[in-house]
Protein backbone atom coordinates (compact mmCIF):
# COMPACT_ATOMS: atom_id res chain seq x y z
CA MET A 1 0.15 -0.03 0.00
CA SER A 2 1.12 3.38 -0.90
CA ALA A 3 2.27 6.15 1.57
CA ASN A 4 -1.09 8.49 0.51
CA GLU A 5 -2.77 5.60 0.62
CA THR A 6 -2.01 4.68 4.39
CA ALA A 7 -2.20 8.33 5.02
CA VAL A 8 -6.09 8.64 3.80
CA ILE A 9 -6.76 5.71 6.37
CA ALA A 10 -4.83 7.16 9.12
CA ASP A 11 -6.64 10.45 8.61
CA ALA A 12 -10.49 8.58 8.80
CA MET A 13 -9.64 6.58 11.99
CA ALA A 14 -7.66 9.64 13.64
CA ASP A 15 -9.76 10.81 16.88
CA PHE A 16 -12.63 8.85 14.94
CA PHE A 17 -14.77 9.23 18.33
CA ALA A 18 -14.39 12.09 21.20
CA PRO A 19 -13.30 10.37 24.28
CA THR A 20 -16.75 9.30 26.95
CA SER A 21 -16.70 9.08 30.11
CA THR A 22 -17.89 6.26 32.00
CA ASP A 23 -18.82 7.63 35.39
CA MET A 24 -22.34 7.78 34.94
CA VAL A 25 -21.68 3.04 35.95
CA GLN A 26 -21.59 3.68 39.49
CA GLY A 27 -25.35 5.15 39.46
CA LEU A 28 -26.24 2.67 37.29
CA VAL A 29 -24.93 -0.22 39.09
CA ALA A 30 -26.10 1.59 42.24
CA GLU A 31 -30.13 1.27 40.45
CA TYR A 32 -29.47 -2.09 39.28
CA ARG A 33 -27.84 -3.60 42.80
CA ARG A 34 -31.97 -1.84 44.52
CA ASP A 35 -33.50 -3.83 41.74
CA ARG A 36 -31.63 -6.92 42.42
CA GLN A 37 -32.62 -6.68 46.23
CA ARG A 38 -36.25 -6.89 44.95
CA ILE A 39 -35.95 -9.87 43.67
CA ALA A 40 -34.63 -11.47 45.61
CA GLU A 41 -37.44 -10.00 48.27
CA VAL A 42 -39.86 -11.36 46.06
CA VAL A 43 -38.56 -14.58 45.77
CA LYS A 44 -37.77 -15.25 49.67
CA PHE A 45 -41.62 -14.48 49.64
CA ALA A 46 -42.79 -16.97 46.87
CA GLU A 47 -41.36 -19.49 49.04
CA SER A 48 -42.86 -18.78 51.36
CA ASP A 49 -45.61 -20.87 52.69
CA THR A 50 -47.96 -17.82 52.65
CA LEU A 51 -47.73 -17.32 48.87
CA LYS A 52 -47.62 -21.37 47.96
CA GLY A 53 -51.11 -21.78 49.88
CA VAL A 54 -52.89 -19.33 48.12
CA TRP A 55 -51.73 -19.65 44.72
CA HIS A 56 -54.00 -21.39 42.97
CA ASP A 57 -56.43 -19.07 43.66
CA PHE A 58 -54.65 -16.22 42.13
CA ALA A 59 -53.83 -17.94 38.98
CA ALA A 60 -57.44 -19.68 38.71
CA GLY A 61 -59.35 -16.57 39.51
CA ASN A 62 -57.04 -13.93 37.55
CA ALA A 63 -56.51 -15.85 34.41
CA ASP A 64 -57.10 -14.24 31.28
CA GLU A 65 -60.86 -15.44 30.09
CA ASN A 66 -59.68 -15.57 25.91
CA ARG A 67 -56.36 -17.89 26.55
CA GLY A 68 -57.52 -19.82 30.14
CA ARG A 69 -56.07 -20.94 33.05
CA SER A 70 -52.70 -20.81 30.66
CA SER A 71 -52.14 -17.03 30.50
CA LEU A 72 -50.56 -17.87 34.34
CA THR A 73 -48.65 -20.02 35.03
CA ASN A 74 -49.63 -22.83 37.77
CA SER A 75 -46.31 -22.46 39.41
CA VAL A 76 -45.40 -20.62 42.27
CA GLU A 77 -41.64 -21.44 41.35
CA GLN A 78 -41.95 -21.25 37.33
CA ALA A 79 -43.56 -17.89 37.97
CA PHE A 80 -40.91 -16.69 40.53
CA ARG A 81 -37.75 -18.07 39.38
CA GLU A 82 -35.20 -16.03 40.10
CA ALA A 83 -32.88 -16.12 37.20
CA GLY A 84 -35.44 -15.51 34.82
CA ALA A 85 -36.22 -12.00 36.37
CA VAL A 86 -32.02 -11.54 36.76
CA GLY A 87 -31.66 -12.12 33.03
CA VAL A 88 -34.29 -9.78 32.40
CA LEU A 89 -32.79 -7.10 34.47
CA ASN A 90 -29.01 -7.74 33.46
CA ALA A 91 -30.33 -6.96 29.58
CA THR A 92 -32.02 -3.79 30.73
CA TYR A 93 -29.45 -2.44 32.65
CA TRP A 94 -26.79 -3.13 29.73
CA SER A 95 -29.11 -1.87 27.48
CA ARG A 96 -29.15 1.46 29.25
CA ALA A 97 -24.97 1.49 29.99
CA LEU A 98 -24.79 1.10 25.97
CA GLU A 99 -27.54 3.70 25.11
CA LEU A 100 -26.00 6.48 27.48
CA THR A 101 -22.54 6.03 25.00
CA ASP A 102 -22.38 6.23 21.33
CA VAL A 103 -20.98 2.61 21.20
CA TYR A 104 -23.82 1.62 20.34
CA ASP A 105 -24.07 3.45 17.31
CA ALA A 106 -20.56 2.97 16.50
CA MET A 107 -20.71 -0.84 16.61
CA PRO A 108 -20.78 -2.21 13.31
CA GLN A 109 -24.32 -4.82 12.10
CA ALA A 110 -22.31 -8.11 12.88
CA ARG A 111 -21.66 -6.87 16.84
CA ARG A 112 -24.87 -4.82 16.88
CA SER A 113 -26.70 -8.20 15.67
CA GLN A 114 -24.56 -10.43 18.42
CA TRP A 115 -25.53 -7.61 21.45
CA HIS A 116 -29.41 -8.27 20.09
CA GLU A 117 -29.58 -12.08 20.22
CA GLN A 118 -27.42 -11.58 23.85
CA MET A 119 -30.09 -9.44 25.26
CA ARG A 120 -32.86 -12.02 23.40
CA ASN A 121 -31.31 -14.45 25.56
CA PRO A 122 -29.73 -13.33 29.07
CA GLU A 123 -29.57 -17.03 30.42
CA GLY A 124 -27.47 -17.87 27.11
CA ARG A 125 -28.71 -20.22 25.02
CA LYS A 126 -27.81 -24.26 23.77
CA VAL A 127 -27.44 -24.62 20.35
CA HIS A 128 -27.13 -27.33 18.41
CA GLY A 129 -25.32 -28.70 15.26
CA SER A 130 -22.28 -26.29 14.66
CA GLU A 131 -23.48 -22.95 16.06
CA PRO A 132 -21.67 -22.14 19.28
CA ASP A 133 -23.65 -21.81 22.39
CA LEU A 134 -24.37 -18.44 23.39
CA PRO A 135 -22.96 -17.79 26.99
CA PRO A 136 -25.87 -15.67 29.99
CA LEU A 137 -24.94 -11.99 29.73
CA PRO A 138 -22.95 -11.37 32.68
CA ASP A 139 -23.91 -9.74 36.18
CA PHE A 140 -24.06 -5.92 36.06
CA GLU A 141 -21.31 -5.96 38.56
CA GLU A 142 -19.22 -2.32 38.42
CA GLU A 143 -16.00 -4.05 37.52
CA THR A 144 -17.48 -5.79 34.94
CA VAL A 145 -19.21 -3.29 33.31
CA ARG A 146 -16.57 -0.90 33.86
CA SER A 147 -14.22 -3.52 31.43
CA THR A 148 -16.71 -4.17 29.31
CA LEU A 149 -17.76 -0.66 28.48
CA LEU A 150 -13.99 0.26 28.53
CA GLU A 151 -13.17 -2.05 25.82
CA LEU A 152 -15.79 -1.17 23.82
CA LEU A 153 -15.15 2.68 23.59
CA ASN A 154 -11.35 1.62 23.10
CA SER A 155 -12.48 -0.39 20.40
CA ARG A 156 -14.51 2.32 18.52
CA ALA A 157 -11.56 3.34 15.93
CA LYS A 158 -11.54 -0.34 14.75
CA PHE A 159 -14.98 -0.77 14.11
CA LEU A 160 -14.25 1.53 11.23
CA ALA A 161 -12.12 -1.52 9.66
CA GLU A 162 -15.06 -4.36 10.82
CA ARG A 163 -18.06 -2.18 9.54
CA VAL A 164 -16.27 -1.96 5.69
CA ASP A 165 -15.86 -5.81 6.16
CA GLY A 166 -18.89 -6.76 6.89
CA ILE A 167 -20.51 -4.52 4.21
CA PHE A 168 -18.10 -6.33 2.17
CA ARG A 169 -19.42 -9.82 3.01
CA ALA A 170 -23.02 -8.43 3.40
CA LEU A 171 -22.82 -8.05 -0.37
CA SER A 172 -24.61 -10.53 -2.43
CA GLY A 173 -22.96 -13.57 -3.98
CA GLU A 174 -25.54 -13.97 -6.41
CA HIS A 175 -25.13 -11.33 -8.58
CA VAL A 176 -21.93 -10.82 -10.90
CA THR A 177 -22.42 -7.13 -10.36
CA ASN A 178 -20.43 -7.38 -6.91
CA SER A 179 -16.33 -8.24 -7.51
CA PRO A 180 -15.55 -10.23 -5.19
CA ALA A 181 -12.14 -8.60 -5.46
CA ALA A 182 -13.04 -5.15 -3.51
CA PHE A 183 -15.91 -2.51 -3.98
CA SER A 184 -16.88 -1.12 -7.06
CA LYS A 185 -19.49 1.48 -7.97
CA ARG A 186 -22.01 -0.62 -8.23
CA MET A 187 -22.84 -2.94 -5.55
CA ILE A 188 -25.98 -5.17 -4.72
CA ILE A 189 -27.25 -6.21 -1.18
CA GLY A 190 -30.16 -8.85 -0.94
CA HIS A 191 -32.53 -10.21 1.63
CA LEU A 192 -33.35 -6.78 3.57
CA VAL A 193 -37.04 -7.76 3.64
CA SER A 194 -38.60 -10.45 5.67
CA SER A 195 -41.13 -13.17 4.41
CA TYR A 196 -44.07 -10.53 6.42
CA GLY A 197 -42.87 -7.86 4.31
CA THR A 198 -40.40 -6.04 7.40
CA THR A 199 -37.34 -5.04 6.97
CA THR A 200 -34.60 -7.04 8.13
CA ASP A 201 -31.52 -5.99 10.14
CA ARG A 202 -29.92 -6.64 7.17
CA VAL A 203 -30.28 -3.15 6.42
CA GLY A 204 -28.06 -2.71 9.20
CA PHE A 205 -25.30 -2.80 6.22
CA ILE A 206 -26.45 0.09 4.02
CA ASN A 207 -26.75 2.30 7.47
CA ASP A 208 -22.94 1.21 8.29
CA LEU A 209 -22.15 2.21 3.99
CA ARG A 210 -23.83 5.83 5.12
CA CYS A 211 -21.83 5.60 8.52
CA VAL A 212 -18.58 5.19 7.12
CA ILE A 213 -19.06 7.55 4.35
CA ALA A 214 -20.13 10.01 6.54
CA LYS A 215 -16.95 9.51 8.30
CA PHE A 216 -15.12 10.15 5.34
CA MET A 217 -16.78 13.36 4.66
CA GLY A 218 -16.79 14.60 8.00
CA ARG A 219 -20.07 14.12 8.92
CA ASP A 220 -21.61 13.11 11.32
CA GLU A 221 -23.31 9.94 11.55
CA PRO A 222 -27.30 8.61 11.31
CA GLY A 223 -28.18 6.62 14.15
CA TRP A 224 -28.09 2.80 13.98
CA ASN A 225 -31.62 2.46 12.79
CA ALA A 226 -31.71 5.46 10.48
CA THR A 227 -32.16 3.55 6.96
CA GLY A 228 -34.75 1.07 7.60
CA SER A 229 -37.37 4.17 6.63
CA VAL A 230 -35.53 5.16 3.72
CA VAL A 231 -35.17 1.74 2.50
CA THR A 232 -38.89 1.43 2.68
CA ARG A 233 -39.91 4.09 0.59
CA ALA A 234 -37.35 3.19 -1.87
CA ARG A 235 -39.08 -0.03 -2.51
CA ARG A 236 -42.96 1.67 -2.22
CA GLU A 237 -42.59 4.65 -3.45
CA LYS A 238 -39.95 4.92 -5.61
CA ARG A 239 -39.71 0.95 -6.71
CA GLY A 240 -36.87 0.65 -9.12
CA GLU A 241 -36.02 4.23 -9.06
CA TRP A 242 -32.64 5.79 -8.19
CA VAL A 243 -33.21 7.42 -4.71
CA THR A 244 -30.18 9.66 -3.82
CA LEU A 245 -29.12 9.68 -0.33
CA ASP A 246 -26.58 12.12 1.70
CA GLY A 247 -25.97 14.91 -0.62
CA GLY A 248 -25.28 12.35 -3.52
CA ALA A 249 -22.42 10.46 -1.99
CA LEU A 250 -24.49 7.37 -2.44
CA ARG A 251 -27.64 6.52 -4.01
CA LEU A 252 -30.10 3.58 -3.72
CA ARG A 253 -32.84 1.70 -5.40
CA ALA A 254 -34.62 -0.69 -3.82
CA TYR A 255 -36.74 -3.78 -5.50
CA LYS A 256 -40.28 -5.15 -3.41
CA CYS A 257 -38.48 -8.72 -3.35
CA GLY A 258 -36.09 -7.21 -0.83
CA THR A 259 -33.09 -6.34 -3.13
CA ALA A 260 -31.20 -3.01 -3.25
CA HIS A 261 -29.11 -1.68 -5.57
CA LEU A 262 -25.96 0.43 -4.48
CA GLU A 263 -24.12 3.03 -6.10
CA VAL A 264 -21.07 5.07 -4.76
CA HIS A 265 -18.99 7.80 -5.76
CA PRO A 266 -15.98 6.47 -7.02
CA ASP A 267 -13.91 8.33 -4.61
CA MET A 268 -16.24 6.40 -1.54
CA ALA A 269 -15.37 3.34 -3.49
CA TRP A 270 -11.66 4.06 -3.23
CA ARG A 271 -11.97 4.88 -0.10
CA LEU A 272 -13.44 1.87 0.89
CA ASN A 273 -10.97 -0.56 -0.75
CA CYS A 274 -7.84 1.64 0.93
CA VAL A 275 -9.64 -0.04 4.06
CA LEU A 276 -9.98 -3.29 2.47
CA ALA A 277 -6.56 -3.02 1.73
CA GLN A 278 -5.37 -2.50 5.72
CA LEU A 279 -7.31 -5.69 6.29
CA TYR A 280 -6.19 -8.05 3.29
CA PRO A 281 -3.28 -6.71 1.73
CA LEU A 282 -2.40 -8.86 -0.57
CA ALA A 283 -6.25 -9.66 -1.61
CA ILE A 284 -6.98 -6.02 -2.74
CA PRO A 285 -5.57 -5.80 -6.75
CA PRO A 286 -3.74 -2.32 -7.46
CA GLU A 287 -6.23 -0.92 -9.58
CA PHE A 288 -9.06 -0.81 -6.75
CA ARG A 289 -6.29 1.27 -4.37
CA ALA A 290 -5.80 3.64 -7.18
CA LYS A 291 -7.81 7.12 -6.83
CA PRO A 292 -10.17 7.54 -9.77
CA LYS A 293 -8.51 10.61 -12.15
CA LYS A 294 -11.58 11.26 -13.69
CA LYS A 295 -14.14 13.52 -12.68
CA VAL A 296 -17.80 12.01 -12.80
CA LYS A 297 -20.53 13.45 -14.16
CA ASP A 298 -23.30 11.50 -13.24
CA PHE A 299 -22.54 11.75 -9.50
CA VAL A 300 -23.40 15.32 -8.70
CA MET A 301 -22.91 16.96 -4.53
CA MET A 302 -25.70 18.70 -4.14
CA GLY A 303 -23.47 20.55 -1.57
CA ARG A 304 -22.55 19.89 2.49
CA PRO A 305 -25.60 18.08 3.88
CA LEU A 306 -27.94 18.60 6.75
CA PRO A 307 -26.70 16.96 10.46
CA PHE A 308 -28.23 13.96 10.92
CA ALA A 309 -29.15 15.11 14.33
CA VAL A 310 -31.23 17.47 12.10
CA VAL A 311 -32.61 14.73 9.23
CA GLY A 312 -33.64 12.47 12.51
CA ALA A 313 -35.69 15.54 13.82
CA LEU A 314 -37.64 15.48 10.52
CA GLU A 315 -37.92 12.29 10.33
CA SER A 316 -40.16 11.98 13.67
CA LEU A 317 -42.37 13.99 12.69
CA GLU A 318 -45.93 13.22 12.94
CA THR A 319 -49.64 14.41 11.94
CA ALA A 320 -51.03 17.55 14.48
CA TYR A 321 -54.39 17.27 16.20
CA ASN A 322 -56.86 19.22 16.88
CA PHE A 323 -58.78 18.01 20.00
CA ILE A 324 -62.88 18.53 19.54
CA GLU A 325 -65.45 18.16 22.11
CA ASN A 326 -67.75 15.43 21.33
CA THR A 327 -70.89 15.68 20.58
CA GLY A 328 -71.54 12.26 19.53
CA PRO A 329 -73.31 9.53 21.24
CA ASN A 330 -70.05 8.65 22.81
CA ALA A 331 -69.54 11.45 24.26
CA TRP A 332 -70.19 9.74 27.70
CA ARG A 333 -66.83 7.97 27.16
CA GLU A 334 -64.75 9.74 25.62
CA LYS A 335 -65.06 13.93 26.33
CA TYR A 336 -62.73 15.18 22.95
CA ARG A 337 -62.04 13.80 19.89
CA ARG A 338 -58.76 13.91 18.09
CA GLU A 339 -59.16 15.85 14.67
CA PRO A 340 -56.20 15.75 12.16
CA ILE A 341 -54.86 19.04 11.29
CA LYS A 342 -54.68 19.63 6.92
CA ASN A 343 -50.86 19.94 6.65
CA GLY A 344 -49.99 20.13 10.15
CA LEU A 345 -47.04 18.09 11.48
CA SER A 346 -46.00 18.10 15.15
CA PRO A 347 -42.46 17.10 16.37
CA ARG A 348 -42.19 13.86 18.68
CA GLY A 349 -39.95 15.65 22.02
CA GLY A 350 -37.22 18.05 21.42
CA PHE A 351 -36.46 20.45 17.82
CA SER A 352 -33.98 22.29 17.52
CA ALA A 353 -32.90 25.66 16.46
CA GLU A 354 -31.32 24.10 12.93
CA ALA A 355 -34.57 21.62 12.59
CA GLU A 356 -36.88 24.82 12.88
CA ARG A 357 -34.99 26.56 10.05
CA VAL A 358 -35.44 23.55 8.22
CA ILE A 359 -38.93 23.55 8.50
CA ALA A 360 -39.13 27.33 7.85
CA TYR A 361 -37.39 27.21 4.61
CA ILE A 362 -40.01 24.97 3.11
CA GLY A 363 -42.86 27.29 4.40
CA GLY A 364 -43.73 25.81 8.10
CA VAL A 365 -45.02 28.01 9.78
CA LYS A 366 -44.68 27.30 14.15
CA THR A 367 -48.03 27.66 15.16
CA LYS A 368 -50.43 26.10 18.34
CA ASN A 369 -53.57 23.86 18.32
CA GLU A 370 -56.92 24.75 20.57
CA ARG A 371 -54.31 22.71 23.55
CA GLY A 372 -51.94 25.57 23.31
CA THR A 373 -49.73 22.14 21.85
CA GLU A 374 -46.83 23.09 19.00
CA TYR A 375 -47.38 22.17 15.34
CA PHE A 376 -45.92 23.49 11.73
CA ALA A 377 -48.36 24.62 9.59
CA PHE A 378 -48.00 24.39 5.71
CA ASP A 379 -50.46 25.67 2.76
CA TYR A 380 -49.60 22.23 0.93
CA ASP A 381 -48.81 18.36 2.22
CA PRO A 382 -44.75 18.65 2.67
CA ARG A 383 -44.55 14.89 3.56
CA GLU A 384 -43.19 14.32 -0.21
CA VAL A 385 -40.39 17.09 0.51
CA ILE A 386 -39.88 16.14 4.22
CA ALA A 387 -39.13 12.22 2.63
CA GLU A 388 -36.89 13.69 0.09
CA ILE A 389 -34.66 16.26 2.79
CA ILE A 390 -34.69 13.06 5.09
CA CYS A 391 -32.40 10.91 2.13
CA THR A 392 -30.89 13.71 0.41
CA GLY A 393 -29.93 15.22 3.67
CA CYS A 394 -30.07 18.70 1.62
CA LEU A 395 -32.55 21.30 1.46
CA PRO A 396 -34.64 21.40 -2.35
CA ALA A 397 -33.92 24.02 -4.57
CA GLN A 398 -36.36 27.22 -3.48
CA GLN A 399 -37.15 27.74 -6.57
CA SER A 400 -38.17 24.66 -7.44
CA PRO A 401 -41.95 24.57 -8.46
CA GLN A 402 -42.63 21.08 -6.99
CA TYR A 403 -41.74 21.53 -3.24
CA TYR A 404 -44.07 25.02 -3.31
CA THR A 405 -47.65 25.71 -3.82
CA THR A 406 -48.65 29.09 -5.18
CA PRO A 407 -48.83 31.80 -2.19
CA GLN A 408 -52.55 32.64 -1.36
CA ARG A 409 -52.59 36.15 -1.91
CA LEU A 410 -51.38 34.93 -5.44
CA ASN A 411 -54.16 32.88 -5.77
CA LYS A 412 -56.84 35.45 -5.07
CA VAL A 413 -55.02 37.54 -7.62
CA VAL A 414 -55.44 34.81 -10.63
CA VAL A 415 -58.77 34.01 -9.29
CA LYS A 416 -60.04 37.42 -9.74
C-alpha cells in the first residue's frame, strides 16, 4: 500500500470518536443492586408457605378469559424463578449502559446483532449443530461493566475497518455486479425484507455504509436504525428508481423482493478499498486502490448535507391534531376526539433551532392547536418534500416548483 493510501486511512481513523466518560456506571450499578435486592425479596416471599397456599386461587381467579389458565403459570416456582427475572434485569441495565455512550451507534451491524441476540437470551442459549453456544449475559456488576465499556470505547476506531469488512461480506454472492476482489462503483445486497414484508437487520449493513461515508465526508453519523425508513420508502414509493442519499455520495434503488442496488461515488469506493486493503493487503488488486482520476459526471454532489441530528428530527414529525369536544353518542366515554390538522405536523420530542429553520425554509409556520401544543402548519402537503430531505440530506432548491404551492395572495389575484 502506498504512503498516500496509508495517510488517507490514518486521517479517516484518527480521532474517530471523542473520549466518552464512564462515570455514569456508578449510578447505574447502584440502581441495579437495588432492583436485584427487590427480586431477591420477592423470591423469598414466593418460597414461603403463605404464597404457596393461595397461589392456585390467584392463578385460577386472575387468568385471562380469552386464553384460560395458561395465561398464568400454575407453578409458584416457575412464576417467581429468580434466574429469569435477573436475566431480564441484566439485559435492561446493559442496554441502558450502551445507550448512555455512543458505542452502540459505532458498532458494525454484526456486533449489534450479537448484542441483540444476547439481550434476547440473557440466560444464554444452547444451540445444537455447528453454531457455538450463546453464553449467559454477565451480571451488571461494576468491575465487569467498566471493563466491558472501556474495551468497547477503546475499540471504536477498529469498528471502522470492521464495518467496511462487514459491508463487503454482506454483498450478494448471487449477482455478478459485485466484484469478488473489492468494492466497485455499483453493488447489490439482498434479503433486506422478511416474509412478512418488514425490513430485516441486514438493512444495518446499508446503514453502516452510510456511517463510513459520513466519516469520510467529515459529517456526523446517522443513528444505528436510521436507514430502515429510507429503504421502505425506496421499495414502496420509488420502486426501481434511483433515490439519492447523503448529498449524492450514495444512491439506492430498491425492489419489492428485498434486493437493493447501491451506487457509491467512485471516490468513496476507492476509500472503502483502502480500508479493505489494510485488512487484506495481499487480496485487493492495485487498480482498486488507485484514486480515480476522471471527474464523474453522473454523480453530482449537492453541497454539504444537513447534520443527521436535524434529519432525525425531521423524520420524527407526525400528524398534528386538534381536540374537538365530542357531542356524539360516545361523548360519555370520551369528552374530546382527535381531529387531524390538514397539512399540520407535530414534532415528537425536542426540536432544535436548526431543524426549525429547515421547516421554515420549506414553508412551515410554527403555531399552536387549541390545547396550546405547538405544531408546524403548511399551505401544502409537505410529506413528500420532507421525505426527500431525509433521503438526500439536503434542502431542495427554493425555485423548484414541485415543492411550493402558489401563495394565497397570488391565488386570489388569479381567481379574480
